[in-house]
Amino acid sequence: MTLTAVKSMDIVNKSLTAMMLTQLEKFRQALYDCLGKAKDAVFELMDAVLTSPSTPSFVSLSQSPVFRRQWSSIYAALHDSRPPRKKRQCLH
């Protein structure tokens, strides 16, 4: 493989990565906009679930570095974050 081909592949890979990150950012923003009152806490909780190797309990999730709140706020966030019906359909 020539150096030019390798550079071209690198450019394509960087472009695809940037495109995927942009799509992910748009999806996360749309999801955030759909959430109810406790958007920030629920979003941190979702990030904790996605980045934790296991989730045996809410307490273990509250110990995740991405969840910056007290463990008891998990229950309040889940209770308060239910979006109105119209907003739940925004991601379909």
C-alpha atoms as a PDB file:
ATOM      1  CA  MET A   1       0.000   0.000   0.000  1.00  0.00           C
ATOM      2  CA  THR A   2       1.363   3.390  -0.899  1.00  0.00           C
ATOM      3  CA  LEU A   3       1.760   6.264   1.488  1.00  0.00           C
ATOM      4  CA  THR A   4      -0.892   8.215  -0.431  1.00  0.00           C
ATOM      5  CA  ALA A   5      -3.390   5.366  -0.017  1.00  0.00           C
ATOM      6  CA  VAL A   6      -2.682   5.160   3.701  1.00  0.00           C
ATOM      7  CA  LYS A   7      -3.181   8.914   4.086  1.00  0.00           C
ATOM      8  CA  SER A   8      -6.436   8.724   2.115  1.00  0.00           C
ATOM      9  CA  MET A   9      -7.716   5.943   4.363  1.00  0.00           C
ATOM     10  CA  ASP A  10      -6.756   7.968   7.436  1.00  0.00           C
ATOM     11  CA  ILE A  11      -8.713  10.961   6.133  1.00  0.00           C
ATOM     12  CA  VAL A  12     -11.752   8.770   5.415  1.00  0.00           C
ATOM     13  CA  ASN A  13     -11.574   7.184   8.891  1.00  0.00           C
ATOM     14  CA  LYS A  14     -11.340  10.579  10.587  1.00  0.00           C
ATOM     15  CA  SER A  15     -14.248  11.860   8.526  1.00  0.00           C
ATOM     16  CA  LEU A  16     -16.420   8.852   9.412  1.00  0.00           C
ATOM     17  CA  THR A  17     -15.520   9.182  13.081  1.00  0.00           C
ATOM     18  CA  ALA A  18     -16.445  12.868  13.060  1.00  0.00           C
ATOM     19  CA  MET A  19     -19.739  12.060  11.333  1.00  0.00           C
ATOM     20  CA  MET A  20     -20.599   9.346  13.872  1.00  0.00           C
ATOM     21  CA  LEU A  21     -19.779  11.655  16.787  1.00  0.00           C
ATOM     22  CA  THR A  22     -21.989  14.362  15.291  1.00  0.00           C
ATOM     23  CA  GLN A  23     -24.864  11.884  14.949  1.00  0.00           C
ATOM     24  CA  LEU A  24     -24.351  10.711  18.524  1.00  0.00           C
ATOM     25  CA  GLU A  25     -24.363  14.294  19.804  1.00  0.00           C
ATOM     26  CA  LYS A  26     -27.616  15.014  17.934  1.00  0.00           C
ATOM     27  CA  PHE A  27     -29.225  11.856  19.307  1.00  0.00           C
ATOM     28  CA  ARG A  28     -28.158  12.647  22.875  1.00  0.00           C
ATOM     29  CA  GLN A  29     -29.471  16.208  22.577  1.00  0.00           C
ATOM     30  CA  ALA A  30     -32.812  14.986  21.199  1.00  0.00           C
ATOM     31  CA  LEU A  31     -33.072  12.470  24.029  1.00  0.00           C
ATOM     32  CA  TYR A  32     -32.168  15.121  26.617  1.00  0.00           C
ATOM     33  CA  ASP A  33     -34.814  17.464  25.191  1.00  0.00           C
ATOM     34  CA  CYS A  34     -37.450  14.734  25.602  1.00  0.00           C
ATOM     35  CA  LEU A  35     -36.817  14.158  29.292  1.00  0.00           C
ATOM     36  CA  GLY A  36     -38.914  15.665  32.053  1.00  0.00           C
ATOM     37  CA  LYS A  37     -37.944  17.771  35.069  1.00  0.00           C
ATOM     38  CA  ALA A  38     -34.834  15.911  36.254  1.00  0.00           C
ATOM     39  CA  LYS A  39     -33.029  15.878  32.896  1.00  0.00           C
ATOM     40  CA  ASP A  40     -29.507  16.274  34.217  1.00  0.00           C
ATOM     41  CA  ALA A  41     -29.787  13.577  36.867  1.00  0.00           C
ATOM     42  CA  VAL A  42     -31.385  11.095  34.468  1.00  0.00           C
ATOM     43  CA  PHE A  43     -28.767  11.788  31.840  1.00  0.00           C
ATOM     44  CA  GLU A  44     -25.998  11.178  34.367  1.00  0.00           C
ATOM     45  CA  LEU A  45     -27.776   7.998  35.437  1.00  0.00           C
ATOM     46  CA  MET A  46     -27.950   6.803  31.814  1.00  0.00           C
ATOM     47  CA  ASP A  47     -24.254   7.528  31.366  1.00  0.00           C
ATOM     48  CA  ALA A  48     -23.497   5.617  34.566  1.00  0.00           C
ATOM     49  CA  VAL A  49     -25.469   2.595  33.307  1.00  0.00           C
ATOM     50  CA  LEU A  50     -23.734   2.727  29.927  1.00  0.00           C
ATOM     51  CA  THR A  51     -20.216   3.076  31.306  1.00  0.00           C
ATOM     52  CA  SER A  52     -20.398   0.747  34.315  1.00  0.00           C
ATOM     53  CA  PRO A  53     -19.152  -2.810  33.848  1.00  0.00           C
ATOM     54  CA  SER A  54     -22.062  -4.074  35.960  1.00  0.00           C
ATOM     55  CA  THR A  55     -25.066  -2.543  37.675  1.00  0.00           C
ATOM     56  CA  PRO A  56     -26.055  -4.672  40.660  1.00  0.00           C
ATOM     57  CA  SER A  57     -27.843  -1.803  42.412  1.00  0.00           C
ATOM     58  CA  PHE A  58     -28.708   1.875  42.309  1.00  0.00           C
ATOM     59  CA  VAL A  59     -26.142   2.438  45.028  1.00  0.00           C
ATOM     60  CA  SER A  60     -23.396   1.057  42.792  1.00  0.00           C
ATOM     61  CA  LEU A  61     -24.559   3.341  39.976  1.00  0.00           C
ATOM     62  CA  SER A  62     -24.439   6.310  42.309  1.00  0.00           C
ATOM     63  CA  GLN A  63     -20.762   5.546  42.906  1.00  0.00           C
ATOM     64  CA  SER A  64     -19.956   5.926  39.212  1.00  0.00           C
ATOM     65  CA  PRO A  65     -17.745   8.952  38.458  1.00  0.00           C
ATOM     66  CA  VAL A  66     -20.275  10.203  35.887  1.00  0.00           C
ATOM     67  CA  PHE A  67     -23.119  10.289  38.429  1.00  0.00           C
ATOM     68  CA  ARG A  68     -22.273  13.338  40.516  1.00  0.00           C
ATOM     69  CA  ARG A  69     -25.311  13.310  42.800  1.00  0.00           C
ATOM     70  CA  GLN A  70     -26.335  11.505  45.988  1.00  0.00           C
ATOM     71  CA  TRP A  71     -27.658   7.988  45.569  1.00  0.00           C
ATOM     72  CA  SER A  72     -31.134   8.934  46.777  1.00  0.00           C
ATOM     73  CA  SER A  73     -31.517  11.398  43.906  1.00  0.00           C
ATOM     74  CA  ILE A  74     -31.675   8.444  41.516  1.00  0.00           C
ATOM     75  CA  TYR A  75     -35.180   7.609  42.727  1.00  0.00           C
ATOM     76  CA  ALA A  76     -36.305  11.233  42.513  1.00  0.00           C
ATOM     77  CA  ALA A  77     -34.824  11.581  39.040  1.00  0.00           C
ATOM     78  CA  LEU A  78     -36.610   8.491  37.767  1.00  0.00           C
ATOM     79  CA  HIS A  79     -39.864   9.668  39.290  1.00  0.00           C
ATOM     80  CA  ASP A  80     -39.640  13.264  38.050  1.00  0.00           C
ATOM     81  CA  SER A  81     -38.200  12.663  34.618  1.00  0.00           C
ATOM     82  CA  ARG A  82     -41.090  10.955  32.916  1.00  0.00           C
ATOM     83  CA  PRO A  83     -41.704  13.120  29.859  1.00  0.00           C
ATOM     84  CA  PRO A  84     -45.166  14.053  28.668  1.00  0.00           C
ATOM     85  CA  ARG A  85     -46.645  11.663  26.097  1.00  0.00           C
ATOM     86  CA  LYS A  86     -46.046  14.042  23.175  1.00  0.00           C
ATOM     87  CA  LYS A  87     -42.374  14.350  24.032  1.00  0.00           C
ATOM     88  CA  ARG A  88     -41.947  10.565  24.325  1.00  0.00           C
ATOM     89  CA  GLN A  89     -42.761  10.293  20.653  1.00  0.00           C
ATOM     90  CA  CYS A  90     -40.044  12.744  19.602  1.00  0.00           C
ATOM     91  CA  LEU A  91     -37.436  10.044  19.016  1.00  0.00           C
ATOM     92  CA  HIS A  92     -39.615   7.763  16.883  1.00  0.00           C
END
